[in-house]
Amino acid sequence: MLNSILFLSYWVMMIFYYTNLPDQIPVHFDLSGEVTRTADRSIGSWFLVPIIVTFSGIHTIFIFWAIIAAGFESWNFPEKKRILALSKDDQAYFRKVMNWFVKHLLHTTILFILILVIAVGVYSYNAATGNITFPLSLVLILITILYLVHIVRQYFLIRNNFRKQLRLYHPES
């Protein structure tokens, strides 16, 4: 739901910004945030990134649906051999957690992409109107680090949870 709201907000923001753009808009920046290339204001030059983001988001959703459809046995996850050795009934908990994790990863990835492109969109608009107030490269690096820390943290929480749960089935391990 949050992803859908952010996605629609992104398109509304880009449409609103388009109506207020000058004739020349920045389309490329160096690491210090300086404009290195501009383009004439046109629907193609301003909406190319939102169109790419839209198709990338749809592609990401299909990839995750394929992963989920492939089934629990085909995934790579902590303690897989030990979990698959359990009965189907005993595997239920682990299946539930892994399904949650894959769906959580999908939502987090799409949210990450949306936050990145919103930051780029706001920065591009501010650069076009001469109101640059923050270095884009630092913001993008910070967002990426937060995303990676979150995903790694989730992985270790699940791994530790799996090991704890497996001790209930195999106390000697």
Protein backbone atom coordinates (compact mmCIF):
# COMPACT_ATOMS: atom_id res chain seq x y z
CA MET A 1 0.00 0.00 0.00
CA LEU A 2 2.77 2.44 0.96
CA ASN A 3 4.60 1.58 -2.26
CA SER A 4 1.50 2.33 -4.32
CA ILE A 5 0.96 5.67 -2.59
CA LEU A 6 4.62 6.63 -3.05
CA PHE A 7 4.55 5.53 -6.69
CA LEU A 8 1.45 7.60 -7.46
CA SER A 9 2.89 10.54 -5.50
CA TYR A 10 6.05 10.30 -7.58
CA TRP A 11 4.09 10.60 -10.82
CA VAL A 12 1.98 13.47 -9.43
CA MET A 13 5.16 15.23 -8.28
CA MET A 14 6.81 14.81 -11.70
CA ILE A 15 3.69 16.10 -13.50
CA PHE A 16 3.45 19.08 -11.14
CA TYR A 17 7.16 19.86 -11.52
CA TYR A 18 6.93 19.62 -15.31
CA THR A 19 4.51 22.54 -15.47
CA ASN A 20 6.99 24.75 -13.58
CA LEU A 21 10.22 23.85 -15.37
CA PRO A 22 12.37 26.36 -17.27
CA ASP A 23 13.16 25.82 -20.97
CA GLN A 24 16.47 24.06 -20.18
CA ILE A 25 16.48 21.26 -17.61
CA PRO A 26 19.49 19.43 -16.14
CA VAL A 27 19.72 15.78 -17.12
CA HIS A 28 23.14 14.82 -15.72
CA PHE A 29 25.15 15.76 -12.65
CA ASP A 30 28.71 15.08 -11.49
CA LEU A 31 29.47 13.79 -7.98
CA SER A 32 29.65 17.28 -6.54
CA GLY A 33 26.13 18.01 -7.81
CA GLU A 34 27.13 20.31 -10.66
CA VAL A 35 25.05 20.10 -13.82
CA THR A 36 27.12 18.57 -16.62
CA ARG A 37 24.43 18.29 -19.29
CA THR A 38 21.09 19.95 -19.98
CA ALA A 39 18.23 19.25 -22.36
CA ASP A 40 15.34 21.19 -23.78
CA ARG A 41 12.21 20.90 -21.69
CA SER A 42 10.12 18.19 -23.29
CA ILE A 43 7.88 15.38 -22.18
CA GLY A 44 10.52 12.87 -23.28
CA SER A 45 13.40 14.44 -21.41
CA TRP A 46 11.48 14.93 -18.16
CA PHE A 47 9.40 11.74 -18.07
CA LEU A 48 12.01 9.26 -19.33
CA VAL A 49 13.12 8.36 -15.81
CA PRO A 50 9.56 7.89 -14.44
CA ILE A 51 8.75 5.63 -17.39
CA ILE A 52 11.90 3.56 -16.79
CA VAL A 53 11.08 3.38 -13.08
CA THR A 54 7.56 2.21 -13.86
CA PHE A 55 8.76 -0.61 -16.10
CA SER A 56 11.57 -1.51 -13.67
CA GLY A 57 9.06 -1.74 -10.83
CA ILE A 58 6.77 -3.98 -12.84
CA HIS A 59 9.76 -6.12 -13.82
CA THR A 60 10.85 -6.40 -10.18
CA ILE A 61 7.37 -7.51 -9.13
CA PHE A 62 7.35 -10.23 -11.79
CA ILE A 63 10.79 -11.44 -10.70
CA PHE A 64 9.63 -11.78 -7.10
CA TRP A 65 6.40 -13.50 -8.17
CA ALA A 66 8.53 -15.99 -10.13
CA ILE A 67 10.70 -16.56 -7.06
CA ILE A 68 7.64 -17.20 -4.90
CA ALA A 69 6.07 -19.44 -7.55
CA ALA A 70 9.30 -21.47 -7.86
CA GLY A 71 8.66 -22.74 -4.38
CA PHE A 72 10.38 -23.03 -1.07
CA GLU A 73 12.56 -25.99 -2.10
CA SER A 74 14.27 -24.04 -4.89
CA TRP A 75 15.27 -21.08 -2.70
CA ASN A 76 18.62 -20.62 -1.06
CA PHE A 77 18.27 -19.84 2.63
CA PRO A 78 20.04 -20.50 5.95
CA GLU A 79 19.92 -24.09 7.24
CA LYS A 80 18.10 -25.28 4.10
CA LYS A 81 19.28 -28.92 4.24
CA ARG A 82 18.24 -29.30 7.86
CA ILE A 83 14.87 -27.67 7.28
CA LEU A 84 14.06 -29.77 4.20
CA ALA A 85 14.89 -32.89 6.23
CA LEU A 86 11.95 -32.11 8.51
CA SER A 87 8.42 -33.37 7.83
CA LYS A 88 6.14 -31.12 5.76
CA ASP A 89 4.19 -30.20 8.88
CA ASP A 90 7.37 -29.18 10.70
CA GLN A 91 8.50 -27.16 7.67
CA ALA A 92 5.34 -25.01 7.81
CA TYR A 93 6.84 -22.42 10.17
CA PHE A 94 9.96 -22.02 8.03
CA ARG A 95 7.91 -21.74 4.83
CA LYS A 96 5.80 -19.02 6.43
CA VAL A 97 8.88 -17.04 7.53
CA MET A 98 10.60 -17.37 4.14
CA ASN A 99 7.44 -16.31 2.28
CA TRP A 100 7.23 -13.29 4.56
CA PHE A 101 10.91 -12.50 3.96
CA VAL A 102 10.62 -12.66 0.16
CA LYS A 103 7.53 -10.44 0.19
CA HIS A 104 9.22 -8.07 2.64
CA LEU A 105 12.28 -7.98 0.38
CA LEU A 106 10.06 -7.13 -2.60
CA HIS A 107 8.34 -4.26 -0.79
CA THR A 108 11.61 -2.97 0.66
CA THR A 109 13.33 -3.08 -2.74
CA ILE A 110 10.51 -1.20 -4.46
CA LEU A 111 10.41 1.32 -1.61
CA PHE A 112 14.20 1.78 -1.94
CA ILE A 113 13.91 2.39 -5.69
CA LEU A 114 11.04 4.85 -5.19
CA ILE A 115 12.91 6.82 -2.53
CA LEU A 116 15.95 7.00 -4.80
CA VAL A 117 14.01 8.26 -7.80
CA ILE A 118 12.01 10.72 -5.73
CA ALA A 119 15.28 12.14 -4.39
CA VAL A 120 16.62 12.39 -7.95
CA GLY A 121 13.36 13.99 -9.16
CA VAL A 122 13.36 16.60 -6.39
CA TYR A 123 17.04 17.29 -6.99
CA SER A 124 16.52 17.63 -10.76
CA TYR A 125 13.67 20.07 -10.24
CA ASN A 126 15.68 22.08 -7.72
CA ALA A 127 18.65 22.15 -10.08
CA ALA A 128 16.43 23.29 -12.95
CA THR A 129 14.98 26.11 -10.89
CA GLY A 130 18.32 27.06 -9.29
CA ASN A 131 17.44 25.96 -5.75
CA ILE A 132 20.02 23.24 -5.08
CA THR A 133 20.30 22.85 -1.32
CA PHE A 134 21.85 19.42 -0.79
CA PRO A 135 24.47 17.20 -2.45
CA LEU A 136 22.58 14.42 -4.25
CA SER A 137 25.47 11.94 -4.13
CA LEU A 138 25.52 11.98 -0.32
CA VAL A 139 21.76 11.43 -0.13
CA LEU A 140 21.91 8.50 -2.58
CA ILE A 141 24.82 6.91 -0.72
CA LEU A 142 23.01 7.28 2.62
CA ILE A 143 19.78 5.77 1.25
CA THR A 144 21.72 2.84 -0.24
CA ILE A 145 23.60 2.18 3.01
CA LEU A 146 20.35 2.23 5.00
CA TYR A 147 18.76 -0.21 2.56
CA LEU A 148 21.71 -2.63 2.69
CA VAL A 149 21.91 -2.47 6.49
CA HIS A 150 18.20 -3.21 6.71
CA ILE A 151 18.38 -6.22 4.37
CA VAL A 152 21.46 -7.68 6.08
CA ARG A 153 19.82 -7.19 9.48
CA GLN A 154 16.68 -9.03 8.30
CA TYR A 155 18.81 -11.88 6.96
CA PHE A 156 20.63 -12.35 10.27
CA LEU A 157 17.39 -12.14 12.26
CA ILE A 158 15.87 -14.89 10.12
CA ARG A 159 19.02 -17.02 10.23
CA ASN A 160 19.20 -16.80 14.01
CA ASN A 161 15.48 -17.47 14.32
CA PHE A 162 15.81 -20.54 12.07
CA ARG A 163 18.68 -21.90 14.14
CA LYS A 164 16.71 -21.35 17.34
CA GLN A 165 13.64 -23.09 15.91
CA LEU A 166 15.72 -25.98 14.55
CA ARG A 167 17.05 -26.64 18.06
CA LEU A 168 13.45 -27.53 19.00
CA TYR A 169 13.52 -30.30 16.38
CA HIS A 170 17.18 -31.30 16.83
CA PRO A 171 18.25 -30.42 20.38
CA GLU A 172 21.74 -31.90 19.87
CA SER A 173 22.61 -29.43 17.05
